[in-house]
Amino acid sequence: MKTTIKDLGNEVIISLAGRLDTATSSDVQAKITRELSQRASIGRLTLDASQLEYISSSGLRILLSLSKQYKEKFHVHNVQSQVYEVLDITGFTKIMPVERAIRQMVIDGCEVIGIGGVGTVYRLNGDTIIKVFREGTTLDEVRREITMSKEALVLGMPTAISFDIVRVAPTAACRCERYGLVYELLHAETLSSVVKQHPEQIESYARKYADLFQQMHSIEVPVGGNVPSAIERERQQVEHIRRYFSQEEVDMLLAILDSIPAGNRLLHMDLQTKNAMLQDNELMLIDMGEVGYGHPLLDLGHAYSAMVSLVGDYDKIIGMPRELGNQIWDLAIEHYFAGLPAEVVAQRKAQIEVVSCVRNFSWLALSDSFPEDVVKACQALFHERVASRYDYIMEVCKTFSDWTL
């Protein structure tokens, strides 16, 4: 058993390598007690368990003692599966912060099944897919996606839940290590893929797509839960793109947002056809990092921005030709509003198109490393889609309040 203790600023790291059992625990306890007593103050105490192979009851008592002595300052990280199982069964994961070790995966040669603003989805094998996040994505942002997936599932949406956070090894395309989420989806395909393969069934798929929106938008999010406000997140993203647009242009987008009525419905905020997986003839949601609550108008505006007015390589990003994507959107929106008077449907289509103008540009806030040509393409489109139509846009915004829930 090897015990290493080192200082890292205000943090002390205890690294354990080997088996922490009855034969070794006395020496380990003595060394930890001796060395920690020599330090005047400890702001954070971390036990690195990346090389800890085994822990017995005597080893658990050492962890319990450190937890009691250092309280909220103490945590255990990089815990291997066999040790984590012991800590979980004995209840230690409820007593102190314990983080599993994150395993590394290689994606070279894996099929790309979707590309989005925050990452790329690959198929690992017939049973699993992995979403690989863009460079710079933090572990907290990855965990947020898992949290939102669980929240949506609890609220009643068919949602794919990730069972593992991994580190993805560098590739020829990206020479940095990134985070990934692994999902188990038995023989599932994206809605984009099945529509592309079976365009003759597009009417049926459009109905399923519309039903998915309706199911989500019928769910009322409880007050005080973990699901955040979608409109507030969108506002933050618009504020973030000030680096690319003038104050006047940003204010135009904010004016559209300010016109959207309040709402408490569950919103995906990126429900394009590659973020819906067809499994056993049922659509299941993935890519849940932007889930929030609000008015369905905002959600549909986001989807329109992807499915109809996308900036970029449509086939590569959405996974089907633009003509086919536009067609399934038109069919789905007719199903979504089925039963409403024709003039109401026409008005709501206009409202959705106007709100999509925000997402046309706010998505640039999803990363700080988009290629310069992508940014310039968005800047060039601003006059065409917003500035030159601003009077019309503001007139449509006045009608938003007619869309009651």
Protein backbone atom coordinates (compact mmCIF):
# COMPACT_ATOMS: atom_id res chain seq x y z
CA MET A 1 0.00 0.00 0.00
CA LYS A 2 1.42 3.39 -1.01
CA THR A 3 0.22 6.65 0.51
CA THR A 4 1.22 10.00 -1.00
CA ILE A 5 0.23 13.36 0.46
CA LYS A 6 0.93 16.63 -1.33
CA ASP A 7 -0.12 20.27 -1.18
CA LEU A 8 -1.75 22.00 -4.12
CA GLY A 9 -2.30 25.57 -3.02
CA ASN A 10 -5.03 25.54 -0.41
CA GLU A 11 -5.86 21.90 -1.21
CA VAL A 12 -4.26 18.77 0.24
CA ILE A 13 -4.42 15.62 -1.88
CA ILE A 14 -4.10 12.16 -0.37
CA SER A 15 -3.37 9.51 -3.01
CA LEU A 16 -3.84 5.86 -2.13
CA ALA A 17 -2.48 3.03 -4.29
CA GLY A 18 -3.07 -0.65 -3.57
CA ARG A 19 -5.28 -2.42 -1.00
CA LEU A 20 -6.52 -0.52 2.04
CA ASP A 21 -7.26 -3.43 4.37
CA THR A 22 -6.62 -4.59 7.93
CA ALA A 23 -2.93 -5.19 7.25
CA THR A 24 -2.26 -1.70 5.84
CA SER A 25 -4.84 0.62 7.43
CA SER A 26 -2.91 1.29 10.68
CA ASP A 27 0.15 2.60 8.83
CA VAL A 28 -1.99 4.62 6.43
CA GLN A 29 -3.96 6.18 9.30
CA ALA A 30 -0.77 7.05 11.17
CA LYS A 31 0.82 8.74 8.15
CA ILE A 32 -2.30 10.74 7.30
CA THR A 33 -2.75 11.90 10.90
CA ARG A 34 0.91 12.85 11.24
CA GLU A 35 1.15 14.83 8.02
CA LEU A 36 -2.19 16.61 8.25
CA SER A 37 -1.43 17.72 11.82
CA GLN A 38 1.62 19.60 10.49
CA ARG A 39 -0.55 21.86 8.32
CA ALA A 40 -1.94 25.01 9.93
CA SER A 41 -5.05 25.10 7.71
CA ILE A 42 -6.62 23.03 4.99
CA GLY A 43 -9.15 24.60 2.66
CA ARG A 44 -9.98 21.39 0.80
CA LEU A 45 -9.02 17.77 1.46
CA THR A 46 -9.19 15.39 -1.51
CA LEU A 47 -8.66 11.65 -1.42
CA ASP A 48 -7.57 10.47 -4.87
CA ALA A 49 -8.72 6.85 -5.18
CA SER A 50 -7.73 6.33 -8.82
CA GLN A 51 -5.25 3.59 -7.83
CA LEU A 52 -7.12 2.20 -4.82
CA GLU A 53 -7.86 -1.44 -5.67
CA TYR A 54 -9.70 -2.55 -2.52
CA ILE A 55 -11.07 -1.11 0.72
CA SER A 56 -12.09 -3.02 3.86
CA SER A 57 -14.05 -1.95 6.93
CA SER A 58 -10.85 -0.69 8.57
CA GLY A 59 -10.19 1.47 5.50
CA LEU A 60 -13.75 2.77 5.57
CA ARG A 61 -13.21 3.93 9.15
CA ILE A 62 -10.31 6.11 7.94
CA LEU A 63 -12.59 7.80 5.41
CA LEU A 64 -15.31 8.24 8.02
CA SER A 65 -12.84 9.83 10.45
CA LEU A 66 -11.61 12.29 7.79
CA SER A 67 -15.20 13.14 6.85
CA LYS A 68 -16.09 13.92 10.47
CA GLN A 69 -12.94 15.93 11.10
CA TYR A 70 -12.96 17.99 7.88
CA LYS A 71 -16.73 17.91 7.18
CA GLU A 72 -17.59 19.72 3.93
CA LYS A 73 -13.90 20.15 3.04
CA PHE A 74 -13.41 16.42 2.46
CA HIS A 75 -14.30 14.53 -0.71
CA VAL A 76 -13.23 11.37 -2.54
CA HIS A 77 -12.73 11.31 -6.31
CA ASN A 78 -11.52 9.08 -9.16
CA VAL A 79 -13.05 6.02 -7.48
CA GLN A 80 -12.80 2.77 -9.45
CA SER A 81 -15.93 0.67 -9.93
CA GLN A 82 -15.11 -2.06 -7.40
CA VAL A 83 -14.36 0.45 -4.65
CA TYR A 84 -17.31 2.68 -5.55
CA GLU A 85 -19.64 -0.30 -5.17
CA VAL A 86 -18.41 -0.81 -1.59
CA LEU A 87 -18.85 2.88 -0.76
CA ASP A 88 -22.33 2.90 -2.27
CA ILE A 89 -23.55 -0.27 -0.53
CA THR A 90 -22.27 0.89 2.86
CA GLY A 91 -23.93 4.30 2.48
CA PHE A 92 -20.70 6.31 2.29
CA THR A 93 -21.85 7.98 -0.94
CA LYS A 94 -24.57 9.66 1.15
CA ILE A 95 -22.19 10.70 3.92
CA MET A 96 -19.50 12.37 1.80
CA PRO A 97 -19.02 13.55 -1.81
CA VAL A 98 -17.78 10.57 -3.84
CA GLU A 99 -17.00 10.78 -7.57
CA ARG A 100 -16.47 7.79 -9.84
CA ALA A 101 -13.40 7.59 -12.02
CA ILE A 102 -14.16 8.60 -15.60
CA ARG A 103 -13.07 5.96 -18.08
CA GLN A 104 -11.54 6.80 -21.44
CA MET A 105 -13.02 5.72 -24.76
CA VAL A 106 -11.80 5.73 -28.37
CA ILE A 107 -14.18 6.70 -31.18
CA ASP A 108 -11.88 6.29 -34.20
CA GLY A 109 -13.82 4.54 -36.93
CA CYS A 110 -17.24 5.03 -35.31
CA GLU A 111 -20.16 6.11 -37.50
CA VAL A 112 -21.27 9.73 -37.14
CA ILE A 113 -25.06 9.87 -36.78
CA GLY A 114 -25.53 13.53 -35.87
CA ILE A 115 -23.69 16.84 -35.57
CA GLY A 116 -24.93 19.74 -33.47
CA GLY A 117 -23.79 23.02 -31.99
CA VAL A 118 -22.42 21.45 -28.80
CA GLY A 119 -21.15 18.12 -30.03
CA THR A 120 -21.25 15.10 -32.33
CA VAL A 121 -23.13 11.82 -31.85
CA TYR A 122 -21.44 8.56 -32.84
CA ARG A 123 -22.70 4.99 -32.91
CA LEU A 124 -20.37 2.80 -30.85
CA ASN A 125 -22.14 -0.44 -31.77
CA GLY A 126 -25.65 -1.75 -32.37
CA ASP A 127 -26.67 -1.09 -28.78
CA THR A 128 -24.99 2.16 -27.77
CA ILE A 129 -24.31 5.66 -29.00
CA ILE A 130 -22.05 8.35 -27.58
CA LYS A 131 -22.47 12.11 -27.64
CA VAL A 132 -19.03 13.74 -27.74
CA PHE A 133 -19.07 17.35 -26.55
CA ARG A 134 -17.15 20.19 -28.15
CA GLU A 135 -13.77 21.19 -26.81
CA GLY A 136 -14.12 23.40 -23.73
CA THR A 137 -17.33 21.78 -22.42
CA THR A 138 -17.08 21.44 -18.64
CA LEU A 139 -17.94 18.39 -16.55
CA ASP A 140 -20.73 20.39 -14.89
CA GLU A 141 -22.30 21.09 -18.29
CA VAL A 142 -22.18 17.38 -19.12
CA ARG A 143 -23.79 16.49 -15.80
CA ARG A 144 -26.50 19.07 -16.44
CA GLU A 145 -27.58 17.14 -19.51
CA ILE A 146 -27.98 13.97 -17.44
CA THR A 147 -29.96 15.88 -14.82
CA MET A 148 -32.31 17.35 -17.43
CA SER A 149 -32.82 13.93 -19.03
CA LYS A 150 -33.87 12.51 -15.69
CA GLU A 151 -36.16 15.46 -14.99
CA ALA A 152 -37.88 15.05 -18.36
CA LEU A 153 -38.27 11.31 -17.79
CA VAL A 154 -39.85 11.86 -14.38
CA LEU A 155 -42.25 14.40 -15.93
CA GLY A 156 -43.39 11.80 -18.45
CA MET A 157 -41.27 12.14 -21.61
CA PRO A 158 -39.66 9.12 -23.34
CA THR A 159 -36.04 10.04 -22.83
CA ALA A 160 -32.77 8.24 -23.37
CA ILE A 161 -30.78 8.30 -20.12
CA SER A 162 -27.00 8.22 -20.22
CA PHE A 163 -25.43 5.51 -18.10
CA ASP A 164 -21.83 6.72 -18.27
CA ILE A 165 -19.74 9.88 -18.52
CA VAL A 166 -16.47 9.21 -20.33
CA ARG A 167 -13.37 10.97 -21.55
CA VAL A 168 -12.90 10.64 -25.29
CA ALA A 169 -9.34 10.14 -26.49
CA PRO A 170 -7.92 12.64 -28.99
CA THR A 171 -8.54 11.89 -32.67
CA ALA A 172 -7.09 13.11 -35.94
CA ALA A 173 -9.99 15.57 -36.21
CA CYS A 174 -9.63 16.85 -32.63
CA ARG A 175 -6.32 16.57 -30.83
CA CYS A 176 -7.71 17.36 -27.39
CA GLU A 177 -9.46 15.11 -24.88
CA ARG A 178 -13.20 15.76 -24.54
CA TYR A 179 -16.13 14.55 -22.47
CA GLY A 180 -18.76 12.18 -23.77
CA LEU A 181 -22.09 10.67 -22.69
CA VAL A 182 -22.84 7.03 -23.51
CA TYR A 183 -26.47 6.05 -24.16
CA GLU A 184 -27.95 2.59 -24.54
CA LEU A 185 -30.37 2.64 -27.47
CA LEU A 186 -31.05 -0.85 -28.78
CA HIS A 187 -31.25 -0.73 -32.59
CA ALA A 188 -32.46 2.87 -32.51
CA GLU A 189 -32.02 5.32 -35.38
CA THR A 190 -32.46 9.07 -35.55
CA LEU A 191 -35.71 10.32 -37.02
CA SER A 192 -33.60 12.02 -39.70
CA SER A 193 -32.12 8.67 -40.70
CA VAL A 194 -35.41 6.81 -41.00
CA VAL A 195 -37.05 9.64 -42.95
CA LYS A 196 -34.10 9.69 -45.35
CA GLN A 197 -34.31 5.92 -45.80
CA HIS A 198 -38.10 5.78 -46.12
CA PRO A 199 -39.35 9.09 -47.57
CA GLU A 200 -42.54 7.36 -48.69
CA GLN A 201 -43.50 7.10 -44.98
CA ILE A 202 -42.86 10.77 -44.22
CA GLU A 203 -46.51 11.46 -43.35
CA SER A 204 -46.40 8.82 -40.58
CA TYR A 205 -43.08 10.08 -39.24
CA ALA A 206 -44.32 13.69 -39.28
CA ARG A 207 -47.29 12.69 -37.16
CA LYS A 208 -44.98 11.01 -34.62
CA TYR A 209 -42.77 14.11 -34.62
CA ALA A 210 -45.79 16.38 -33.98
CA ASP A 211 -47.06 14.04 -31.25
CA LEU A 212 -43.69 14.27 -29.50
CA PHE A 213 -43.95 18.06 -29.42
CA GLN A 214 -47.53 17.92 -28.21
CA GLN A 215 -46.71 15.42 -25.49
CA MET A 216 -43.89 17.60 -24.22
CA HIS A 217 -45.87 20.84 -24.41
CA SER A 218 -48.77 19.34 -22.47
CA ILE A 219 -46.52 18.81 -19.43
CA GLU A 220 -46.64 21.56 -16.81
CA VAL A 221 -43.34 21.96 -14.97
CA PRO A 222 -43.75 22.26 -11.18
CA VAL A 223 -42.64 25.49 -9.54
CA GLY A 224 -39.36 25.23 -7.65
CA GLY A 225 -38.03 22.18 -9.50
CA ASN A 226 -34.68 21.62 -11.20
CA VAL A 227 -35.87 22.56 -14.69
CA PRO A 228 -34.68 26.12 -15.46
CA SER A 229 -36.43 28.95 -17.29
CA ALA A 230 -35.89 28.55 -21.04
CA ILE A 231 -36.48 32.23 -21.76
CA GLU A 232 -33.85 33.29 -19.22
CA ARG A 233 -31.30 30.92 -20.74
CA GLU A 234 -32.12 32.24 -24.21
CA ARG A 235 -31.68 35.80 -22.97
CA GLN A 236 -28.25 34.90 -21.55
CA GLN A 237 -27.25 33.41 -24.90
CA VAL A 238 -28.30 36.54 -26.76
CA GLU A 239 -26.28 38.65 -24.33
CA HIS A 240 -23.31 36.32 -24.94
CA ILE A 241 -23.21 37.01 -28.69
CA ARG A 242 -22.53 40.72 -28.23
CA ARG A 243 -19.00 39.90 -29.38
CA TYR A 244 -20.40 39.28 -32.87
CA PHE A 245 -23.27 41.79 -33.16
CA SER A 246 -23.84 45.46 -32.42
CA GLN A 247 -25.83 46.69 -29.43
CA GLU A 248 -28.67 47.66 -31.77
CA GLU A 249 -28.79 44.17 -33.29
CA VAL A 250 -28.74 42.48 -29.88
CA ASP A 251 -31.56 44.76 -28.72
CA MET A 252 -33.65 43.66 -31.73
CA LEU A 253 -33.36 40.02 -30.67
CA LEU A 254 -34.11 40.85 -27.04
CA ALA A 255 -37.25 42.72 -28.11
CA ILE A 256 -38.54 39.54 -29.74
CA LEU A 257 -37.83 37.55 -26.57
CA ASP A 258 -39.52 40.16 -24.39
CA SER A 259 -42.71 39.71 -26.43
CA ILE A 260 -43.01 35.96 -25.77
CA PRO A 261 -45.68 35.21 -23.13
CA ALA A 262 -44.78 33.44 -19.92
CA GLY A 263 -45.41 29.71 -19.73
CA ASN A 264 -44.74 26.68 -17.58
CA ARG A 265 -44.61 23.95 -20.23
CA LEU A 266 -41.71 21.54 -20.71
CA LEU A 267 -39.51 22.57 -23.66
CA HIS A 268 -36.69 20.64 -25.31
CA MET A 269 -35.20 23.72 -27.02
CA ASP A 270 -33.43 21.73 -29.75
CA LEU A 271 -36.00 19.22 -30.96
CA GLN A 272 -34.80 18.77 -34.50
CA THR A 273 -35.20 15.36 -36.15
CA LYS A 274 -31.71 14.12 -35.29
CA ASN A 275 -32.47 14.62 -31.59
CA ALA A 276 -35.37 12.16 -31.71
CA MET A 277 -34.47 8.47 -31.86
CA LEU A 278 -36.91 5.88 -33.20
CA GLN A 279 -36.83 2.70 -31.13
CA ASP A 280 -39.52 0.01 -31.28
CA ASN A 281 -41.67 2.41 -33.33
CA GLU A 282 -41.55 5.01 -30.53
CA LEU A 283 -39.71 8.33 -30.60
CA MET A 284 -37.30 8.97 -27.74
CA LEU A 285 -35.56 12.25 -26.92
CA ILE A 286 -31.80 12.74 -26.73
CA ASP A 287 -29.56 15.82 -26.41
CA MET A 288 -31.28 17.24 -23.34
CA GLY A 289 -28.74 19.88 -22.35
CA GLU A 290 -31.01 22.85 -23.14
CA VAL A 291 -34.27 21.59 -21.59
CA GLY A 292 -36.27 24.27 -19.80
CA TYR A 293 -39.77 25.52 -19.14
CA GLY A 294 -41.72 28.28 -20.84
CA HIS A 295 -44.10 28.92 -23.73
CA PRO A 296 -44.22 26.35 -26.60
CA LEU A 297 -43.68 29.21 -29.06
CA LEU A 298 -40.04 29.38 -27.98
CA ASP A 299 -39.52 25.63 -28.45
CA LEU A 300 -41.14 25.58 -31.89
CA GLY A 301 -39.14 28.65 -32.91
CA HIS A 302 -35.94 26.82 -32.01
CA ALA A 303 -36.99 23.76 -34.00
CA TYR A 304 -37.98 25.88 -37.03
CA SER A 305 -34.54 27.49 -36.93
CA ALA A 306 -32.94 24.06 -37.31
CA MET A 307 -35.42 22.36 -39.63
CA VAL A 308 -36.16 25.24 -41.99
CA SER A 309 -33.78 28.20 -41.73
CA LEU A 310 -30.58 26.46 -40.59
CA VAL A 311 -27.30 28.24 -41.29
CA GLY A 312 -24.69 25.71 -42.43
CA ASP A 313 -24.41 22.30 -44.07
CA TYR A 314 -28.02 21.08 -43.68
CA ASP A 315 -27.45 17.47 -44.74
CA LYS A 316 -24.47 17.10 -42.43
CA ILE A 317 -26.09 18.74 -39.40
CA ILE A 318 -29.70 17.53 -39.71
CA GLY A 319 -28.93 14.25 -41.46
CA MET A 320 -31.17 14.60 -44.52
CA PRO A 321 -31.55 16.92 -47.53
CA ARG A 322 -33.03 20.34 -46.75
CA GLU A 323 -36.01 19.68 -49.04
CA LEU A 324 -36.93 16.56 -47.07
CA GLY A 325 -36.39 18.32 -43.73
CA ASN A 326 -38.63 21.22 -44.77
CA GLN A 327 -41.29 18.75 -45.87
CA ILE A 328 -41.43 16.83 -42.59
CA TRP A 329 -41.55 20.12 -40.69
CA ASP A 330 -44.48 21.43 -42.77
CA LEU A 331 -46.38 18.18 -42.27
CA ALA A 332 -45.61 18.02 -38.55
CA ILE A 333 -46.73 21.59 -37.87
CA GLU A 334 -50.03 20.92 -39.66
CA HIS A 335 -50.58 17.92 -37.36
CA TYR A 336 -49.53 19.96 -34.32
CA PHE A 337 -52.20 22.61 -35.00
CA ALA A 338 -54.84 20.24 -36.38
CA GLY A 339 -58.36 21.40 -35.52
CA LEU A 340 -57.57 25.11 -35.26
CA PRO A 341 -59.06 27.64 -37.75
CA ALA A 342 -56.92 28.25 -40.83
CA GLU A 343 -56.33 31.92 -39.92
CA VAL A 344 -55.07 30.93 -36.42
CA VAL A 345 -52.71 28.34 -37.90
CA ALA A 346 -51.36 30.93 -40.35
CA GLN A 347 -50.79 33.41 -37.52
CA ARG A 348 -48.98 30.84 -35.38
CA LYS A 349 -46.75 29.82 -38.25
CA ALA A 350 -45.77 33.48 -38.66
CA GLN A 351 -45.10 33.74 -34.91
CA ILE A 352 -42.87 30.66 -34.96
CA GLU A 353 -40.88 32.01 -37.91
CA VAL A 354 -40.30 35.32 -36.12
CA VAL A 355 -39.11 33.62 -32.92
CA SER A 356 -36.79 31.43 -34.98
CA CYS A 357 -34.90 34.60 -35.89
CA VAL A 358 -33.52 34.68 -32.35
CA ARG A 359 -32.22 31.11 -32.50
CA ASN A 360 -30.73 31.79 -35.95
CA PHE A 361 -28.06 33.74 -34.08
CA SER A 362 -28.23 32.89 -30.36
CA TRP A 363 -26.89 29.39 -31.02
CA LEU A 364 -23.46 30.98 -31.52
CA ALA A 365 -23.34 31.24 -27.71
CA LEU A 366 -23.16 27.43 -27.43
CA SER A 367 -19.42 27.54 -28.06
CA ASP A 368 -16.63 30.07 -28.25
CA SER A 369 -14.78 28.14 -30.94
CA PHE A 370 -17.04 28.18 -33.99
CA PRO A 371 -15.10 28.72 -37.26
CA GLU A 372 -14.83 32.32 -38.41
CA ASP A 373 -16.67 31.57 -41.67
CA VAL A 374 -19.70 30.31 -39.71
CA VAL A 375 -19.79 33.48 -37.61
CA LYS A 376 -19.46 35.67 -40.70
CA ALA A 377 -22.27 33.80 -42.44
CA CYS A 378 -24.57 34.56 -39.48
CA GLN A 379 -23.53 38.21 -39.42
CA ALA A 380 -24.24 38.53 -43.14
CA LEU A 381 -27.72 37.06 -42.71
CA PHE A 382 -28.76 39.39 -39.88
CA HIS A 383 -29.84 42.24 -42.15
CA GLU A 384 -31.81 39.91 -44.42
CA ARG A 385 -33.62 38.02 -41.66
CA VAL A 386 -34.01 40.65 -38.94
CA ALA A 387 -32.97 44.26 -39.63
CA SER A 388 -34.69 44.65 -43.03
CA ARG A 389 -37.91 43.04 -41.66
CA TYR A 390 -37.91 44.56 -38.21
CA ASP A 391 -41.17 46.52 -38.58
CA TYR A 392 -42.95 43.36 -39.75
CA ILE A 393 -41.35 41.34 -36.93
CA MET A 394 -42.58 43.80 -34.30
CA GLU A 395 -46.11 43.66 -35.72
CA VAL A 396 -46.09 39.86 -35.44
CA CYS A 397 -44.71 40.10 -31.89
CA LYS A 398 -47.83 42.05 -30.91
CA THR A 399 -49.88 38.95 -31.69
CA PHE A 400 -47.91 36.61 -29.41
CA SER A 401 -50.32 37.24 -26.53
CA ASP A 402 -53.12 35.71 -28.63
CA TRP A 403 -51.46 32.30 -28.17
CA THR A 404 -52.86 31.32 -24.80
CA LEU A 405 -52.09 28.03 -23.03
